[in-house]
Protein backbone atom coordinates (compact mmCIF):
# COMPACT_ATOMS: atom_id res chain seq x y z
CA UNK A 1 14.14 16.99 32.71
CA UNK A 2 11.42 17.94 30.24
CA UNK A 3 8.92 18.93 32.92
CA UNK A 4 11.35 21.06 34.93
CA UNK A 5 10.45 24.70 35.41
CA UNK A 6 13.52 26.88 34.88
CA UNK A 7 14.08 30.52 35.81
CA UNK A 8 17.02 32.55 34.49
CA UNK A 9 17.89 35.80 36.21
CA UNK A 10 20.08 37.87 33.93
CA UNK A 11 19.45 37.28 30.24
CA UNK A 12 22.79 38.43 28.87
CA UNK A 13 25.38 36.40 26.98
CA UNK A 14 25.60 33.60 29.57
CA UNK A 15 21.96 33.59 30.68
CA UNK A 16 20.74 33.85 27.10
CA UNK A 17 23.02 31.04 25.98
CA UNK A 18 21.79 28.86 28.85
CA UNK A 19 18.18 29.51 27.80
CA UNK A 20 18.97 28.62 24.18
CA UNK A 21 20.97 25.53 25.13
CA UNK A 22 18.25 24.25 27.46
CA UNK A 23 15.65 24.52 24.71
CA UNK A 24 17.71 23.47 21.70
CA UNK A 25 19.68 20.66 23.36
CA UNK A 26 17.43 19.41 26.17
CA UNK A 27 14.03 20.41 24.79
CA UNK A 28 13.16 22.23 28.03
CA UNK A 29 10.46 24.75 27.16
CA UNK A 30 9.11 25.98 30.51
CA UNK A 31 11.60 28.83 31.01
CA UNK A 32 10.95 32.22 32.56
CA UNK A 33 13.48 35.06 32.71
CA UNK A 34 14.18 38.22 34.69
CA UNK A 35 16.20 41.04 33.13
CA UNK A 36 16.27 44.84 33.26
CA UNK A 37 16.52 44.98 29.48
CA UNK A 38 12.99 44.73 28.11
CA UNK A 39 14.23 44.25 24.54
CA UNK A 40 16.15 41.13 25.60
CA UNK A 41 13.01 39.72 27.22
CA UNK A 42 10.95 40.55 24.14
CA UNK A 43 13.48 38.99 21.75
CA UNK A 44 13.75 35.81 23.85
CA UNK A 45 9.96 35.42 23.85
CA UNK A 46 9.65 36.13 20.12
CA UNK A 47 12.34 33.55 19.33
CA UNK A 48 10.64 30.98 21.55
CA UNK A 49 13.39 30.52 24.12
CA UNK A 50 11.37 31.67 27.14
CA UNK A 51 7.66 31.54 27.90
CA UNK A 52 7.53 34.74 29.90
CA UNK A 53 9.79 37.43 31.32
CA UNK A 54 9.78 40.43 33.60
CA UNK A 55 12.03 43.02 35.21
CA UNK A 56 11.27 41.83 38.74
CA UNK A 57 11.15 38.54 40.65
CA UNK A 58 7.67 37.01 40.66
CA UNK A 59 5.72 33.83 41.44
CA UNK A 60 6.97 32.15 38.25
CA UNK A 61 10.51 32.48 39.56
CA UNK A 62 9.65 31.43 43.11
CA UNK A 63 7.82 28.32 41.84
CA UNK A 64 10.68 27.19 39.59
CA UNK A 65 12.50 23.89 40.04
CA UNK A 66 15.88 25.36 39.08
CA UNK A 67 16.98 29.01 39.18
CA UNK A 68 20.08 30.19 37.28
CA UNK A 69 21.56 33.45 38.58
CA UNK A 70 23.53 34.87 35.64
CA UNK A 71 24.63 38.21 37.09
CA UNK A 72 27.86 39.74 38.48
CA UNK A 73 28.75 38.68 42.04
CA UNK A 74 27.35 41.68 43.90
CA UNK A 75 23.99 41.36 42.13
CA UNK A 76 23.99 37.59 42.66
CA UNK A 77 24.25 38.20 46.41
CA UNK A 78 21.39 40.71 46.25
CA UNK A 79 19.16 38.28 44.37
CA UNK A 80 20.01 35.45 46.77
CA UNK A 81 18.78 37.63 49.64
CA UNK A 82 15.51 38.24 47.77
CA UNK A 83 15.07 34.55 46.92
CA UNK A 84 15.84 33.36 50.47
CA UNK A 85 12.66 31.99 52.05
CA UNK A 86 10.55 32.51 48.93
CA UNK A 87 11.43 29.52 46.73
CA UNK A 88 10.02 25.99 46.75
CA UNK A 89 11.48 23.54 49.25
CA UNK A 90 13.25 21.42 46.62
CA UNK A 91 14.26 24.29 44.34
CA UNK A 92 17.88 24.22 43.18
CA UNK A 93 19.55 27.63 42.95
CA UNK A 94 22.78 27.98 41.01
CA UNK A 95 24.84 30.85 39.65
CA UNK A 96 27.40 31.54 36.92
CA UNK A 97 29.67 34.07 38.66
CA UNK A 98 33.45 34.01 38.30
CA UNK A 99 34.12 33.69 42.04
CA UNK A 100 32.59 31.21 44.44
CA UNK A 101 33.83 31.57 48.03
CA UNK A 102 31.99 34.81 48.88
CA UNK A 103 28.70 33.47 47.54
CA UNK A 104 29.01 30.02 49.15
CA UNK A 105 29.99 31.62 52.48
CA UNK A 106 26.87 33.78 52.36
CA UNK A 107 24.64 30.79 51.63
CA UNK A 108 26.22 28.71 54.40
CA UNK A 109 25.71 31.54 56.91
CA UNK A 110 21.92 31.45 56.49
CA UNK A 111 19.56 29.60 58.80
CA UNK A 112 17.95 26.80 56.80
CA UNK A 113 19.63 27.85 53.53
CA UNK A 114 18.21 26.89 50.13
CA UNK A 115 19.73 24.11 48.04
CA UNK A 116 22.48 26.09 46.35
CA UNK A 117 25.18 24.80 44.02
CA UNK A 118 27.72 27.30 42.80
CA UNK A 119 28.37 27.23 39.07
CA UNK A 120 30.98 28.75 36.78
CA UNK A 121 30.87 28.02 33.04
CA UNK A 122 34.32 28.73 31.61
CA UNK A 123 32.98 30.18 28.39
CA UNK A 124 32.24 33.55 26.89
CA UNK A 125 33.00 35.89 24.04
CA UNK A 126 34.07 39.50 23.65
CA UNK A 127 30.42 40.44 23.04
CA UNK A 128 27.62 40.83 25.58
CA UNK A 129 23.83 40.71 25.68
CA UNK A 130 21.11 38.27 24.67
CA UNK A 131 21.51 39.19 21.01
CA UNK A 132 25.07 37.80 21.12
CA UNK A 133 24.13 34.54 22.89
CA UNK A 134 24.10 31.14 21.19
CA UNK A 135 23.22 27.60 22.22
CA UNK A 136 26.63 26.04 21.57
CA UNK A 137 28.58 28.52 23.72
CA UNK A 138 29.33 25.79 26.29
CA UNK A 139 30.50 23.06 23.93
CA UNK A 140 33.64 21.40 25.37
CA UNK A 141 33.91 24.13 28.02
CA UNK A 142 34.68 23.23 31.61
CA UNK A 143 31.78 24.02 33.93
CA UNK A 144 32.73 24.23 37.62
CA UNK A 145 30.20 23.08 40.24
CA UNK A 146 30.79 24.06 43.88
CA UNK A 147 28.30 22.58 46.38
CA UNK A 148 27.20 24.42 49.53
CA UNK A 149 26.39 22.78 52.87
CA UNK A 150 22.77 22.26 51.83
CA UNK A 151 23.45 20.77 48.37
CA UNK A 152 21.83 17.36 48.12
CA UNK A 153 23.40 14.50 46.20
CA UNK A 154 20.33 14.31 43.98
CA UNK A 155 20.49 18.04 43.18
CA UNK A 156 24.18 17.81 42.27
CA UNK A 157 23.50 14.81 40.03
CA UNK A 158 20.65 16.63 38.27
CA UNK A 159 22.66 19.79 37.69
CA UNK A 160 25.59 17.69 36.47
CA UNK A 161 23.35 16.07 33.87
CA UNK A 162 22.09 19.47 32.74
CA UNK A 163 25.65 20.74 32.38
CA UNK A 164 26.50 17.70 30.26
CA UNK A 165 23.30 18.18 28.30
CA UNK A 166 24.24 21.70 27.22
CA UNK A 167 27.58 20.40 25.94
CA UNK A 168 29.87 21.36 28.83
CA UNK A 169 32.24 19.30 30.98
CA UNK A 170 31.29 19.37 34.68
CA UNK A 171 34.05 19.52 37.29
CA UNK A 172 33.36 19.57 41.04
CA UNK A 173 35.55 22.00 42.99
CA UNK A 174 35.52 23.36 46.52
CA UNK A 175 34.74 27.11 46.50
CA UNK A 176 38.10 28.14 47.99
CA UNK A 177 40.04 25.93 45.58
CA UNK A 178 38.05 27.36 42.70
CA UNK A 179 38.90 30.92 43.67
CA UNK A 180 42.61 30.16 44.05
CA UNK A 181 42.67 28.56 40.60
CA UNK A 182 40.73 31.35 38.90
CA UNK A 183 42.87 34.00 40.59
CA UNK A 184 45.97 32.37 39.09
CA UNK A 185 44.80 31.51 35.58
CA UNK A 186 42.24 34.23 34.94
CA UNK A 187 41.97 37.13 37.37
CA UNK A 188 45.67 38.01 37.73
CA UNK A 189 46.32 37.59 33.97
CA UNK A 190 43.62 40.23 33.40
CA UNK A 191 45.38 42.53 35.88
CA UNK A 192 48.74 41.92 34.19
CA UNK A 193 47.34 42.52 30.69
CA UNK A 194 45.81 45.81 31.81
CA UNK A 195 49.06 46.76 33.57
CA UNK A 196 51.03 46.16 30.36
CA UNK A 197 48.63 48.33 28.35
CA UNK A 198 48.83 51.07 30.98
CA UNK A 199 52.63 50.77 30.89
CA UNK A 200 52.62 51.53 27.15
CA UNK A 201 50.09 54.32 27.63
CA UNK A 202 52.23 55.97 30.32
CA UNK A 203 55.54 55.41 28.50
CA UNK A 204 54.46 56.45 25.02
CA UNK A 205 55.72 59.56 23.29
CA UNK A 206 53.42 62.39 22.18
CA UNK A 207 53.72 60.99 18.64
CA UNK A 208 52.16 57.70 19.89
CA UNK A 209 54.89 55.57 18.30
CA UNK A 210 54.40 52.74 20.84
CA UNK A 211 50.68 52.68 20.14
CA UNK A 212 51.30 52.36 16.40
CA UNK A 213 53.86 49.57 16.82
CA UNK A 214 51.84 47.65 19.43
CA UNK A 215 50.04 45.68 16.71
CA UNK A 216 50.74 41.95 16.44
CA UNK A 217 52.26 40.16 19.41
CA UNK A 218 51.68 42.87 22.03
CA UNK A 219 48.08 43.31 21.02
CA UNK A 220 47.54 39.54 21.22
CA UNK A 221 48.96 39.03 24.70
CA UNK A 222 46.96 41.99 26.05
CA UNK A 223 43.70 41.16 24.28
CA UNK A 224 41.89 40.43 27.56
CA UNK A 225 42.56 44.00 28.72
CA UNK A 226 39.60 44.94 26.51
CA UNK A 227 37.20 43.16 28.88
CA UNK A 228 34.35 44.98 30.62
CA UNK A 229 35.92 47.02 33.49
CA UNK A 230 32.71 46.97 35.55
CA UNK A 231 32.66 43.17 35.57
CA UNK A 232 36.35 42.96 36.46
CA UNK A 233 36.05 45.44 39.29
CA UNK A 234 33.40 43.16 40.81
CA UNK A 235 35.46 40.00 40.24
CA UNK A 236 38.66 41.39 41.77
CA UNK A 237 36.92 42.74 44.87
CA UNK A 238 35.04 39.47 45.33
CA UNK A 239 38.29 37.48 45.15
CA UNK A 240 40.58 40.08 46.71
CA UNK A 241 42.63 37.84 49.02
CA UNK A 242 43.47 35.18 46.43
CA UNK A 243 44.23 37.82 43.79
CA UNK A 244 46.50 39.69 46.20
CA UNK A 245 48.41 36.52 47.16
CA UNK A 246 48.82 35.52 43.52
CA UNK A 247 50.02 39.00 42.56
CA UNK A 248 52.62 38.82 45.33
CA UNK A 249 53.88 35.53 43.86
CA UNK A 250 54.03 37.16 40.44
CA UNK A 251 55.97 40.15 41.83
CA UNK A 252 58.44 37.70 43.41
CA UNK A 253 58.87 35.93 40.06
CA UNK A 254 59.58 39.25 38.32
CA UNK A 255 61.98 40.32 41.09
CA UNK A 256 63.90 37.07 40.66
CA UNK A 257 64.10 37.62 36.91
CA UNK A 258 65.48 41.12 37.52
CA UNK A 259 68.20 39.53 39.65
CA UNK A 260 69.06 37.26 36.70
CA UNK A 261 69.53 40.37 34.56
CA UNK A 262 71.57 42.20 37.20
CA UNK A 263 73.85 39.19 37.61
CA UNK A 264 74.11 38.57 33.86
CA UNK A 265 72.88 35.04 34.64
CA UNK A 266 72.49 33.67 31.12
CA UNK A 267 71.56 30.10 32.09
CA UNK A 268 68.79 31.22 34.49
CA UNK A 269 67.31 33.54 31.87
CA UNK A 270 67.36 30.71 29.34
CA UNK A 271 65.77 28.27 31.82
CA UNK A 272 63.10 30.85 32.67
CA UNK A 273 61.92 30.92 29.07
CA UNK A 274 62.48 27.22 28.37
CA UNK A 275 60.51 26.00 31.39
CA UNK A 276 57.61 28.30 30.46
CA UNK A 277 57.70 27.13 26.84
CA UNK A 278 57.77 23.42 27.77
CA UNK A 279 54.98 23.74 30.32
CA UNK A 280 52.77 25.80 28.01
CA UNK A 281 53.19 23.20 25.26
CA UNK A 282 51.50 20.65 27.55
CA UNK A 283 48.24 22.64 27.59
CA UNK A 284 45.33 21.08 25.72
CA UNK A 285 44.15 22.64 22.47
CA UNK A 286 40.80 20.87 22.64
CA UNK A 287 39.25 22.46 25.71
CA UNK A 288 37.83 25.90 26.38
CA UNK A 289 39.30 27.55 29.47
CA UNK A 290 38.71 30.69 31.51
CA UNK A 291 40.23 33.06 28.97
CA UNK A 292 38.33 33.12 25.71
CA UNK A 293 40.07 31.40 22.77
CA UNK A 294 41.04 33.62 19.87
CA UNK A 295 39.87 31.29 17.10
CA UNK A 296 42.38 32.78 14.69
CA UNK A 297 44.78 31.52 12.07
CA UNK A 298 47.85 33.19 10.58
CA UNK A 299 48.70 32.44 6.95
CA UNK A 300 52.13 33.02 5.43
CA UNK A 301 51.42 34.39 1.96
CA UNK A 302 53.06 36.63 -0.56
CA UNK A 303 51.44 40.04 -0.88
CA UNK A 304 49.97 39.86 -4.37
CA UNK A 305 46.68 40.92 -6.00
CA UNK A 306 43.80 38.52 -5.35
CA UNK A 307 45.40 36.51 -2.52
CA UNK A 308 42.78 37.52 0.05
CA UNK A 309 40.02 36.70 -2.43
CA UNK A 310 41.52 33.26 -3.08
CA UNK A 311 41.50 32.37 0.59
CA UNK A 312 38.05 33.83 1.26
CA UNK A 313 36.60 31.99 -1.73
CA UNK A 314 38.16 28.67 -0.71
CA UNK A 315 36.76 28.88 2.80
CA UNK A 316 33.39 30.27 1.72
CA UNK A 317 32.80 27.51 -0.83
CA UNK A 318 33.43 24.96 1.89
CA UNK A 319 31.04 26.52 4.37
CA UNK A 320 33.59 28.22 6.63
CA UNK A 321 32.48 31.67 7.74
CA UNK A 322 35.15 34.37 8.22
CA UNK A 323 34.44 36.92 10.95
CA UNK A 324 37.40 39.13 10.10
CA UNK A 325 40.44 39.16 7.84
CA UNK A 326 43.34 41.58 7.91
CA UNK A 327 46.99 42.07 7.02
CA UNK A 328 49.32 42.19 10.02
CA UNK A 329 51.81 45.05 9.97
CA UNK A 330 53.97 43.45 12.65
CA UNK A 331 55.71 40.15 12.01
CA UNK A 332 57.99 40.30 15.03
CA UNK A 333 56.30 37.34 16.72
CA UNK A 334 54.29 35.97 13.81
CA UNK A 335 54.99 33.46 11.07
CA UNK A 336 52.75 35.07 8.48
CA UNK A 337 51.16 38.31 7.42
CA UNK A 338 47.51 37.40 6.88
CA UNK A 339 45.33 36.89 9.94
CA UNK A 340 41.80 35.49 9.80
CA UNK A 341 39.32 35.38 12.68
CA UNK A 342 36.76 32.57 12.73
CA UNK A 343 33.59 32.04 14.80
CA UNK A 344 34.58 28.90 16.74
CA UNK A 345 37.13 26.13 17.22
CA UNK A 346 35.46 23.83 14.69
CA UNK A 347 35.80 26.52 12.02
CA UNK A 348 39.48 26.88 12.94
CA UNK A 349 40.05 23.15 12.41
CA UNK A 350 38.18 23.14 9.10
CA UNK A 351 39.96 26.24 7.78
CA UNK A 352 43.37 24.94 8.89
CA UNK A 353 42.84 21.63 7.05
CA UNK A 354 41.45 23.26 3.90
CA UNK A 355 44.26 25.79 3.62
CA UNK A 356 46.99 23.29 4.48
CA UNK A 357 45.67 20.85 1.87
CA UNK A 358 45.93 23.62 -0.74
CA UNK A 359 49.57 24.20 0.13
CA UNK A 360 49.29 27.31 2.24
CA UNK A 361 51.53 27.68 5.31
CA UNK A 362 49.08 28.03 8.17
CA UNK A 363 49.75 28.59 11.86
CA UNK A 364 47.37 28.27 14.80
CA UNK A 365 47.60 30.90 17.52
């Protein structure tokens, strides 16, 4: 892989992290980038992650062995049209968009299409831009690969090895299956989270009492409503049919639950919550999924002078960095009052063990 020429179109969080992972983990140094943000290009060059960059497609991109399209769906389609007929014969084109069927369908509709393999790394953070990117973003994250009709076996094998090389876990999925899955476990949950926030906004009193009391559990379950609305507009429209069908299933589930309430059906209400609890408890804690992990711990402590300093000092002396620490004013759904935010899952494990060993009551979210 060392002699492969790589082009990355879109040098934001995902594209920037791919550039850093390729260099730091696979020692690939021949990387060119395209991005509208000149400061991102300049920073990437200064830090040694790319050799050159520009705001437009050029011969360096067309002569690449692998091209990563790290842009929203509608821009990915525009770039694919520009790349069509201009890349090398054996060039592999891949993307990182959150939906696959629309893109794969476009590729398959072309006469003599390029070798395209759809990609979707299930990783990200609440921040955006090259400045927020890091090389270990994809560690233990699932990375979906969706071949098109012109994907060769050799190309799929090569891209699979690259995905493994940057720390991710490759999974091959048909484009339609991918979009059904993501609609159910990612796209519709974002719609529901935003709907819940809008429900509070519309129902709140002029004194904003709901807003004040929404800290804690409500804020946690609607965290993803803070995502970039421009990106989610593009995702929903690109996956409109699957999202609509999944929302209809959700509406049916809610309608059934309303019937339980109307009929005072105690056992059905209990089973509704129990089945959800049991199924959720089977989910793995060791893998990164479509919705970003919170990387937080809650600590049950007595409110006394110096307690925050004690915990911060313990973690700091043992090399655990704290991103944020605050006292929770709502304990309705929480087992403790002190909440700490950490940079990654490894920090969560280390902090949990350190605090537990010292006798603190610690709870993972």
